[in-house]
Protein backbone atom coordinates (compact mmCIF):
# COMPACT_ATOMS: atom_id res chain seq x y z
CA MET A 1 0.19 0.10 0.06
CA SER A 2 1.13 3.52 -1.00
CA ILE A 3 0.05 6.71 0.82
CA THR A 4 -0.17 10.12 -1.12
CA ALA A 5 -0.85 13.30 0.25
CA THR A 6 -2.69 15.62 -1.93
CA ARG A 7 -4.86 18.89 -1.83
CA THR A 8 -7.92 19.98 -3.37
CA ARG A 9 -7.24 21.54 -6.86
CA GLY A 10 -10.00 23.01 -9.31
CA ALA A 11 -12.58 25.78 -9.40
CA SER A 12 -15.40 23.31 -9.36
CA LEU A 13 -16.50 19.72 -7.69
CA THR A 14 -16.07 18.14 -10.85
CA GLU A 15 -12.52 19.70 -11.54
CA ALA A 16 -11.40 18.55 -8.03
CA VAL A 17 -12.82 14.77 -8.87
CA GLU A 18 -10.39 15.01 -12.02
CA ALA A 19 -7.36 16.30 -10.02
CA VAL A 20 -7.88 13.12 -7.32
CA THR A 21 -8.50 10.52 -9.87
CA ILE A 22 -6.90 11.42 -12.85
CA ASP A 23 -4.30 8.13 -13.74
CA ALA A 24 -4.99 6.64 -10.29
CA GLY A 25 -6.59 3.95 -8.86
CA PRO A 26 -7.58 2.01 -6.86
CA LEU A 27 -7.85 4.43 -4.45
CA LEU A 28 -8.80 4.50 -0.66
CA LEU A 29 -9.77 8.58 -0.14
CA VAL A 30 -9.38 10.01 3.37
CA GLY A 31 -10.64 13.46 3.71
CA HIS A 32 -11.18 16.07 6.02
CA SER A 33 -13.97 18.86 5.75
CA LEU A 34 -14.14 19.76 2.13
CA GLY A 35 -11.72 16.81 1.25
CA GLY A 36 -14.41 14.81 2.27
CA THR A 37 -17.04 16.23 0.16
CA VAL A 38 -14.43 15.33 -2.79
CA ALA A 39 -13.96 11.94 -1.83
CA LEU A 40 -17.90 11.51 -1.64
CA ALA A 41 -18.10 13.21 -5.26
CA SER A 42 -15.26 10.76 -6.48
CA ALA A 43 -17.06 7.73 -5.19
CA ARG A 44 -20.20 9.11 -7.31
CA MET A 45 -18.58 9.92 -10.28
CA ARG A 46 -15.89 7.52 -10.25
CA PRO A 47 -16.88 4.26 -8.44
CA ASP A 48 -14.32 2.44 -10.78
CA VAL A 49 -11.43 4.41 -9.31
CA VAL A 50 -12.45 4.68 -5.23
CA ARG A 51 -12.21 1.74 -3.49
CA GLY A 52 -13.23 2.93 -0.03
CA MET A 53 -13.75 6.21 1.99
CA VAL A 54 -13.06 7.91 5.18
CA LEU A 55 -14.87 11.28 5.53
CA LEU A 56 -13.71 13.29 8.79
CA ALA A 57 -16.45 16.13 9.66
CA THR A 58 -17.57 16.01 6.36
CA ASN A 59 -21.32 17.63 4.98
CA PRO A 60 -22.80 15.56 2.68
CA ALA A 61 -25.63 17.56 2.01
CA ALA A 62 -26.18 20.12 -0.66
CA PRO A 63 -25.61 23.93 0.12
CA SER A 64 -28.31 26.06 1.62
CA GLN A 65 -29.08 29.42 0.50
CA ASP A 66 -27.87 30.93 3.86
CA GLN A 67 -24.87 29.05 2.92
CA MET A 68 -24.35 30.53 -0.79
CA ASP A 69 -25.29 33.75 0.70
CA ALA A 70 -22.52 33.53 3.35
CA TRP A 71 -19.88 32.10 0.54
CA ALA A 72 -20.85 35.04 -1.75
CA ALA A 73 -20.00 37.78 0.99
CA GLN A 74 -16.98 36.00 1.87
CA GLU A 75 -15.80 36.06 -1.61
CA LEU A 76 -16.38 39.92 -1.47
CA ARG A 77 -14.16 40.52 1.61
CA ALA A 78 -11.47 38.11 0.75
CA SER A 79 -11.26 40.02 -2.88
CA ALA A 80 -10.41 42.70 -0.59
CA GLU A 81 -8.53 42.05 2.12
CA GLY A 82 -7.50 38.51 1.62
CA PRO A 83 -8.47 35.01 3.14
CA THR A 84 -7.03 35.28 6.37
CA PRO A 85 -9.68 37.83 8.08
CA ILE A 86 -12.27 35.26 6.92
CA ALA A 87 -10.69 32.48 8.86
CA GLU A 88 -10.29 34.87 11.68
CA SER A 89 -13.89 35.57 11.92
CA ILE A 90 -14.50 31.88 12.06
CA LEU A 91 -12.30 30.63 14.39
CA GLU A 92 -14.42 29.65 17.15
CA ARG A 93 -16.98 27.82 14.52
CA LEU A 94 -13.76 25.75 13.80
CA LEU A 95 -12.04 25.68 17.11
CA GLY A 96 -14.82 25.76 19.79
CA PRO A 97 -15.30 28.60 22.02
CA ASP A 98 -11.55 30.39 23.18
CA ASP A 99 -10.86 28.96 26.39
CA GLY A 100 -7.89 31.20 26.99
CA THR A 101 -5.19 28.49 26.69
CA HIS A 102 -2.09 28.08 24.87
CA ARG A 103 -3.68 24.91 22.98
CA TRP A 104 -6.48 27.28 21.45
CA ARG A 105 -4.43 30.13 20.30
CA HIS A 106 -1.54 27.58 18.64
CA ASP A 107 -4.49 26.14 17.04
CA ALA A 108 -5.67 29.77 15.78
CA ASP A 109 -2.30 30.68 14.55
CA LEU A 110 -2.61 27.25 12.60
CA VAL A 111 -5.69 28.17 10.78
CA ARG A 112 -4.28 31.32 10.08
CA GLU A 113 -1.51 30.02 8.80
CA MET A 114 -3.53 27.56 6.45
CA ALA A 115 -5.31 30.38 5.31
CA ALA A 116 -2.78 32.36 4.34
CA GLU A 117 -0.75 29.36 2.81
CA THR A 118 -4.06 29.03 0.77
CA GLY A 119 -3.94 32.65 -0.85
CA LEU A 120 -6.75 34.42 -2.52
CA GLN A 121 -7.37 32.29 -5.87
CA GLY A 122 -7.17 28.80 -3.91
CA PHE A 123 -9.67 30.46 -1.30
CA ILE A 124 -12.35 31.55 -4.07
CA ASP A 125 -11.74 28.03 -6.11
CA GLN A 126 -12.54 26.16 -2.55
CA LEU A 127 -15.80 28.51 -2.77
CA GLY A 128 -16.45 27.18 -6.01
CA ILE A 129 -16.19 23.66 -5.03
CA GLN A 130 -18.34 24.41 -1.86
CA ARG A 131 -21.11 26.11 -4.28
CA SER A 132 -20.94 23.18 -6.47
CA ARG A 133 -21.73 20.41 -3.69
CA VAL A 134 -25.00 18.14 -4.27
CA ASP A 135 -26.63 15.70 -1.89
CA GLU A 136 -24.56 12.68 -2.01
CA LEU A 137 -26.68 10.43 0.40
CA PRO A 138 -28.83 8.86 -2.83
CA GLY A 139 -25.42 8.41 -4.67
CA LEU A 140 -24.08 6.44 -1.69
CA ALA A 141 -27.03 4.19 -1.93
CA CYS A 142 -25.26 2.93 -5.05
CA TYR A 143 -21.68 2.59 -3.90
CA ASP A 144 -20.87 -0.67 -2.89
CA GLY A 145 -17.27 0.27 -1.28
CA PRO A 146 -16.62 0.25 2.55
CA VAL A 147 -17.05 3.86 3.82
CA LEU A 148 -16.25 4.85 7.38
CA ALA A 149 -17.58 8.54 8.53
CA VAL A 150 -16.41 10.07 11.63
CA GLY A 151 -17.49 13.18 13.20
CA ALA A 152 -17.14 15.63 16.16
CA VAL A 153 -19.46 15.93 19.01
CA ASN A 154 -18.55 19.85 18.94
CA ASP A 155 -18.57 20.50 15.67
CA ALA A 156 -20.09 23.83 14.71
CA LEU A 157 -20.12 23.27 10.76
CA VAL A 158 -21.18 20.03 10.26
CA PRO A 159 -24.87 19.67 10.79
CA PRO A 160 -25.08 16.86 14.03
CA GLY A 161 -25.82 13.67 12.62
CA SER A 162 -24.08 14.14 9.35
CA HIS A 163 -21.80 10.95 9.91
CA ALA A 164 -24.47 8.78 11.10
CA ALA A 165 -26.80 9.82 8.16
CA ILE A 166 -23.40 9.10 5.65
CA ALA A 167 -23.30 5.35 7.48
CA THR A 168 -26.78 5.05 6.84
CA ALA A 169 -26.91 5.51 3.29
CA ALA A 170 -23.75 3.60 2.28
CA PRO A 171 -24.58 -0.37 2.41
CA ARG A 172 -21.34 -0.55 3.76
CA GLY A 173 -21.10 2.48 5.56
CA GLN A 174 -19.89 2.75 9.18
CA ALA A 175 -19.68 5.91 11.77
CA ARG A 176 -17.82 6.70 14.38
CA LEU A 177 -18.13 10.20 16.88
CA LEU A 178 -15.32 11.43 18.79
CA PRO A 179 -14.69 14.38 20.99
CA GLY A 180 -13.74 17.58 19.69
CA SER A 181 -14.70 20.63 17.24
CA HIS A 182 -14.13 20.65 13.70
CA MET A 183 -10.59 20.88 13.50
CA PHE A 184 -10.09 17.66 15.72
CA VAL A 185 -8.00 16.38 13.48
CA LEU A 186 -5.33 18.83 14.85
CA HIS A 187 -5.26 16.89 18.23
CA ALA A 188 -7.16 13.59 17.70
CA ALA A 189 -4.63 11.86 14.90
CA GLU A 190 -3.52 9.19 17.05
CA ARG A 191 -7.47 8.04 18.27
CA ILE A 192 -8.49 8.55 14.36
CA ALA A 193 -5.70 6.39 13.48
CA VAL A 194 -6.68 3.72 15.47
CA GLU A 195 -9.96 3.68 14.03
CA ILE A 196 -9.24 3.78 10.59
CA ALA A 197 -6.97 1.02 11.73
CA SER A 198 -9.75 -1.13 13.15
CA TRP A 199 -12.04 -0.11 10.27
CA TYR A 200 -9.43 -1.28 7.57
CA SER A 201 -8.64 -4.58 8.99
CA SER A 202 -12.29 -5.35 9.06
CA ASN A 203 -12.43 -4.48 5.40
CA ALA A 204 -9.10 -5.70 4.20
CA SER A 205 -10.49 -8.01 1.24
CA LEU A 206 -11.82 -4.85 -0.10
CA LEU A 207 -9.37 -2.63 0.75
CA ASN A 208 -6.46 -4.40 -0.27
CA GLY A 209 -4.02 -2.99 -2.98
CA SER A 210 -5.71 0.72 -2.73
CA THR A 211 -3.87 3.55 -2.56
CA ILE A 212 -4.51 6.20 -0.10
CA PRO A 213 -4.20 9.75 -1.41
CA THR A 214 -4.47 11.65 2.28
CA ALA A 215 -6.60 15.09 1.48
CA GLN A 216 -5.68 18.22 3.90
CA ILE A 217 -8.50 20.14 2.98
CA ARG A 218 -9.70 23.45 4.77
CA SER A 219 -13.10 24.04 5.02
């Protein structure tokens, strides 16, 4: 098994799927947040390539009008000020309430660095991917690969129960719920790795030989 780290590329969900699946396969996709969205769409568009999925803090629903309006406002602001102020404005939704600890401040700095690294065009492209989301639950019913959906108890961005809805929709779906906020991946890496290893072991016959592109995708 080989593991490849990748990032979402493209200005729409279709472009992002093409970037992930081009000249590749079979794949086990591991995606956080928007990366999970791309993984779901990849399984729907390229089930011949995607052998299985691990979805971390992933919303399978189509965007609401409120979300579309919020993204339009964010794009206007980012065009004038850059993406970092946008990240600043949603820190508590990403990380949970500011408890004054060193860990929270450290995580906030990491989010700011991620926003700066993403840059304006990258942020606009990510909004384009968000806008082109569809309801992925119906498609999951037709996907026969194993799926592990991991949610965070205090996630303020992904609706409660999304991980369970994914697991229910997918014929081979399983769900886990871990402590933390939307960015729980910053602190729960070992726990997540244990969950993935256990899930992989129980589905080894279906997943053996797949390449794992691990996506570090920001909301």
